[in-house]
C-alpha atoms as a PDB file:
ATOM      1  CA  MET A   1     -26.698  -9.612   2.805  1.00  0.00           C
ATOM      2  CA  GLN A   2     -24.949  -7.034   4.955  1.00  0.00           C
ATOM      3  CA  PRO A   3     -26.260  -6.161   8.442  1.00  0.00           C
ATOM      4  CA  PRO A   4     -27.916  -2.745   8.823  1.00  0.00           C
ATOM      5  CA  LEU A   5     -25.712   0.268   9.525  1.00  0.00           C
ATOM      6  CA  PRO A   6     -26.816   0.682  13.192  1.00  0.00           C
ATOM      7  CA  ASP A   7     -25.868  -2.962  13.878  1.00  0.00           C
ATOM      8  CA  LEU A   8     -22.437  -2.446  12.324  1.00  0.00           C
ATOM      9  CA  GLU A   9     -21.886   0.726  14.364  1.00  0.00           C
ATOM     10  CA  GLU A  10     -22.911  -1.114  17.532  1.00  0.00           C
ATOM     11  CA  ARG A  11     -20.442  -3.897  16.727  1.00  0.00           C
ATOM     12  CA  ARG A  12     -17.690  -1.307  16.236  1.00  0.00           C
ATOM     13  CA  VAL A  13     -18.449   0.195  19.666  1.00  0.00           C
ATOM     14  CA  GLN A  14     -18.199  -3.297  21.199  1.00  0.00           C
ATOM     15  CA  LEU A  15     -14.885  -3.933  19.493  1.00  0.00           C
ATOM     16  CA  TYR A  16     -13.484  -0.584  20.668  1.00  0.00           C
ATOM     17  CA  ALA A  17     -14.550  -1.456  24.233  1.00  0.00           C
ATOM     18  CA  GLU A  18     -12.769  -4.823  23.988  1.00  0.00           C
ATOM     19  CA  LEU A  19      -9.690  -3.083  22.612  1.00  0.00           C
ATOM     20  CA  ALA A  20      -9.708  -0.582  25.482  1.00  0.00           C
ATOM     21  CA  ALA A  21      -9.823  -3.482  27.961  1.00  0.00           C
ATOM     22  CA  THR A  22      -6.725  -5.131  26.481  1.00  0.00           C
ATOM     23  CA  ASP A  23      -4.052  -5.862  29.082  1.00  0.00           C
ATOM     24  CA  ASP A  24      -0.296  -5.473  28.682  1.00  0.00           C
ATOM     25  CA  PHE A  25       0.923  -7.215  25.574  1.00  0.00           C
ATOM     26  CA  ARG A  26       4.101  -7.899  23.673  1.00  0.00           C
ATOM     27  CA  ARG A  27       4.744  -9.071  20.147  1.00  0.00           C
ATOM     28  CA  GLY A  28       6.572 -12.337  19.640  1.00  0.00           C
ATOM     29  CA  SER A  29       6.427 -16.099  19.870  1.00  0.00           C
ATOM     30  CA  LEU A  30       7.148 -18.213  22.887  1.00  0.00           C
ATOM     31  CA  THR A  31       8.863 -21.526  22.149  1.00  0.00           C
ATOM     32  CA  ALA A  32      10.272 -24.370  24.199  1.00  0.00           C
ATOM     33  CA  THR A  33      13.538 -25.870  22.953  1.00  0.00           C
ATOM     34  CA  TYR A  34      15.569 -28.904  23.957  1.00  0.00           C
ATOM     35  CA  ARG A  35      19.246 -29.496  23.246  1.00  0.00           C
ATOM     36  CA  ARG A  36      21.915 -32.093  23.688  1.00  0.00           C
ATOM     37  CA  CYS A  37      24.963 -31.095  25.691  1.00  0.00           C
ATOM     38  CA  GLY A  38      27.443 -33.190  23.683  1.00  0.00           C
ATOM     39  CA  LYS A  39      28.868 -35.212  26.581  1.00  0.00           C
ATOM     40  CA  PRO A  40      29.051 -38.850  25.474  1.00  0.00           C
ATOM     41  CA  ASN A  41      28.107 -40.288  28.911  1.00  0.00           C
ATOM     42  CA  CYS A  42      25.087 -37.980  29.458  1.00  0.00           C
ATOM     43  CA  ARG A  43      21.561 -39.355  29.225  1.00  0.00           C
ATOM     44  CA  CYS A  44      20.830 -36.839  26.430  1.00  0.00           C
ATOM     45  CA  ALA A  45      23.244 -38.795  24.195  1.00  0.00           C
ATOM     46  CA  GLU A  46      20.838 -41.758  24.135  1.00  0.00           C
ATOM     47  CA  PRO A  47      18.979 -42.008  20.804  1.00  0.00           C
ATOM     48  CA  ASP A  48      15.470 -41.792  22.323  1.00  0.00           C
ATOM     49  CA  HIS A  49      16.208 -38.823  24.589  1.00  0.00           C
ATOM     50  CA  ARG A  50      15.106 -35.404  23.289  1.00  0.00           C
ATOM     51  CA  GLY A  51      17.734 -33.466  25.219  1.00  0.00           C
ATOM     52  CA  HIS A  52      17.966 -31.043  28.113  1.00  0.00           C
ATOM     53  CA  GLY A  53      15.166 -28.592  28.579  1.00  0.00           C
ATOM     54  CA  PRO A  54      12.802 -27.146  28.023  1.00  0.00           C
ATOM     55  CA  ARG A  55      14.436 -23.791  27.544  1.00  0.00           C
ATOM     56  CA  HIS A  56      11.822 -21.142  26.866  1.00  0.00           C
ATOM     57  CA  LEU A  57      12.596 -18.420  24.343  1.00  0.00           C
ATOM     58  CA  LEU A  58      10.659 -15.319  23.419  1.00  0.00           C
ATOM     59  CA  THR A  59      11.477 -14.513  19.798  1.00  0.00           C
ATOM     60  CA  ARG A  60      10.484 -11.563  17.656  1.00  0.00           C
ATOM     61  CA  SER A  61      11.646  -9.907  14.473  1.00  0.00           C
ATOM     62  CA  VAL A  62      13.148  -6.424  14.767  1.00  0.00           C
ATOM     63  CA  ALA A  63      14.325  -4.615  11.632  1.00  0.00           C
ATOM     64  CA  GLY A  64      14.544  -7.878   9.717  1.00  0.00           C
ATOM     65  CA  ARG A  65      16.560  -9.673  12.400  1.00  0.00           C
ATOM     66  CA  THR A  66      15.309 -12.208  14.922  1.00  0.00           C
ATOM     67  CA  GLU A  67      15.813 -11.400  18.590  1.00  0.00           C
ATOM     68  CA  ALA A  68      15.539 -14.170  21.173  1.00  0.00           C
ATOM     69  CA  HIS A  69      15.365 -13.735  24.928  1.00  0.00           C
ATOM     70  CA  GLY A  70      15.437 -16.525  27.469  1.00  0.00           C
ATOM     71  CA  VAL A  71      12.444 -16.728  29.806  1.00  0.00           C
ATOM     72  CA  HIS A  72      12.730 -18.355  33.221  1.00  0.00           C
ATOM     73  CA  PRO A  73      10.132 -20.966  34.191  1.00  0.00           C
ATOM     74  CA  GLY A  74       7.593 -19.978  36.808  1.00  0.00           C
ATOM     75  CA  PRO A  75       6.033 -16.534  37.255  1.00  0.00           C
ATOM     76  CA  GLU A  76       8.087 -14.921  34.460  1.00  0.00           C
ATOM     77  CA  LEU A  77       7.032 -17.595  31.959  1.00  0.00           C
ATOM     78  CA  GLU A  78       3.358 -17.249  32.910  1.00  0.00           C
ATOM     79  CA  LYS A  79       3.576 -13.443  32.581  1.00  0.00           C
ATOM     80  CA  VAL A  80       5.134 -13.687  29.109  1.00  0.00           C
ATOM     81  CA  ARG A  81       2.508 -16.265  28.045  1.00  0.00           C
ATOM     82  CA  ARG A  82      -0.285 -13.862  29.080  1.00  0.00           C
ATOM     83  CA  GLU A  83       1.374 -10.935  27.277  1.00  0.00           C
ATOM     84  CA  VAL A  84       1.888 -12.883  24.024  1.00  0.00           C
ATOM     85  CA  ALA A  85      -1.717 -14.138  24.163  1.00  0.00           C
ATOM     86  CA  ALA A  86      -2.933 -10.563  24.750  1.00  0.00           C
ATOM     87  CA  TYR A  87      -0.957  -9.448  21.684  1.00  0.00           C
ATOM     88  CA  ARG A  88      -2.672 -12.107  19.568  1.00  0.00           C
ATOM     89  CA  ARG A  89      -6.020 -10.851  20.895  1.00  0.00           C
ATOM     90  CA  PHE A  90      -5.006  -7.248  20.058  1.00  0.00           C
ATOM     91  CA  VAL A  91      -4.124  -8.244  16.476  1.00  0.00           C
ATOM     92  CA  ALA A  92      -7.412 -10.133  16.055  1.00  0.00           C
ATOM     93  CA  LEU A  93      -9.434  -7.200  17.434  1.00  0.00           C
ATOM     94  CA  SER A  94      -7.591  -4.755  15.182  1.00  0.00           C
ATOM     95  CA  ALA A  95      -8.392  -6.872  12.122  1.00  0.00           C
ATOM     96  CA  GLN A  96     -12.063  -7.059  13.134  1.00  0.00           C
ATOM     97  CA  ILE A  97     -12.207  -3.280  13.641  1.00  0.00           C
ATOM     98  CA  VAL A  98     -10.727  -2.684  10.185  1.00  0.00           C
ATOM     99  CA  GLU A  99     -13.223  -5.108   8.637  1.00  0.00           C
ATOM    100  CA  VAL A 100     -16.259  -3.582  10.414  1.00  0.00           C
ATOM    101  CA  ASN A 101     -15.155  -0.050   9.552  1.00  0.00           C
ATOM    102  CA  GLY A 102     -14.887  -1.058   5.883  1.00  0.00           C
ATOM    103  CA  ARG A 103     -18.405  -2.459   5.989  1.00  0.00           C
ATOM    104  CA  ILE A 104     -19.652   0.731   7.678  1.00  0.00           C
ATOM    105  CA  CYS A 105     -18.056   2.830   4.937  1.00  0.00           C
ATOM    106  CA  GLU A 106     -19.788   0.725   2.296  1.00  0.00           C
ATOM    107  CA  ALA A 107     -23.158   0.835   4.092  1.00  0.00           C
ATOM    108  CA  ARG A 108     -23.200   4.549   4.896  1.00  0.00           C
ATOM    109  CA  PRO A 109     -25.253   6.475   2.313  1.00  0.00           C
ATOM    110  CA  ILE A 110     -23.494   9.209   0.384  1.00  0.00           C
ATOM    111  CA  SER A 111     -26.219  11.733   1.265  1.00  0.00           C
ATOM    112  CA  ALA A 112     -25.325  11.356   4.950  1.00  0.00           C
ATOM    113  CA  LEU A 113     -21.865  12.666   4.156  1.00  0.00           C
ATOM    114  CA  ALA A 114     -23.003  15.750   2.217  1.00  0.00           C
ATOM    115  CA  GLY A 115     -21.628  18.977   3.632  1.00  0.00           C
ATOM    116  CA  THR A 116     -18.688  17.378   5.440  1.00  0.00           C
ATOM    117  CA  GLU A 117     -16.019  18.309   2.906  1.00  0.00           C
ATOM    118  CA  THR A 118     -12.843  19.673   4.420  1.00  0.00           C
ATOM    119  CA  GLU A 119     -12.765  22.701   2.124  1.00  0.00           C
ATOM    120  CA  GLY A 120     -16.120  24.446   1.849  1.00  0.00           C
ATOM    121  CA  PRO A 121     -17.317  27.114  -0.583  1.00  0.00           C
ATOM    122  CA  GLY A 122     -15.814  30.553  -0.216  1.00  0.00           C
ATOM    123  CA  GLU A 123     -12.543  29.267   1.212  1.00  0.00           C
ATOM    124  CA  PRO A 124      -9.388  30.063  -0.764  1.00  0.00           C
ATOM    125  CA  GLU A 125      -7.687  27.310  -2.683  1.00  0.00           C
ATOM    126  CA  LYS A 126      -4.310  26.200  -1.449  1.00  0.00           C
ATOM    127  CA  GLY A 127      -1.170  26.657  -3.479  1.00  0.00           C
ATOM    128  CA  GLY A 128      -0.346  29.087  -6.201  1.00  0.00           C
ATOM    129  CA  SER A 129       1.361  32.451  -6.042  1.00  0.00           C
ATOM    130  CA  SER A 130       0.206  35.804  -4.661  1.00  0.00           C
ATOM    131  CA  GLY A 131       1.467  37.592  -7.772  1.00  0.00           C
ATOM    132  CA  SER A 132       4.590  39.371  -6.487  1.00  0.00           C
ATOM    133  CA  SER A 133       7.496  38.146  -4.473  1.00  0.00           C
ATOM    134  CA  GLY A 134       7.805  41.250  -2.351  1.00  0.00           C
ATOM    135  CA  ARG A 135      11.359  41.906  -3.618  1.00  0.00           C
ATOM    136  CA  ARG A 136      12.140  45.224  -5.168  1.00  0.00           C
ATOM    137  CA  SER A 137      14.876  46.052  -7.623  1.00  0.00           C
ATOM    138  CA  ARG A 138      17.744  48.214  -6.463  1.00  0.00           C
ATOM    139  CA  PRO A 139      17.548  51.879  -7.326  1.00  0.00           C
ATOM    140  CA  SER A 140      20.065  52.938 -10.023  1.00  0.00           C
END
């Protein structure tokens, strides 16, 4: 059973308020990578060692290509973590708003929408021709 329309509208107002309070955000994923340097005498060459790192990368897809940007540990890393988390929150809120709006559309009675058409009676229809082009033939 679907909640009553006023409850759905109240939930939408709450979601819009949460969306308005969203901090700075950026799309992407933050990953930590480790790599081996290739020097045979380095400790990373040992079989149990995972390699040098972590190296933090912010990756995102742009026009079908993956972009990666290095992120320095410390304040920059914490800032990027907050921004990526805020983006995930933005996406989740957006999905909830779409879902609640769909439920509101289903719950709203048709009679409540009567008289809200964009083109009312007495207004001319769009399109068509006025009958003459305004061009005149040349005198002979």
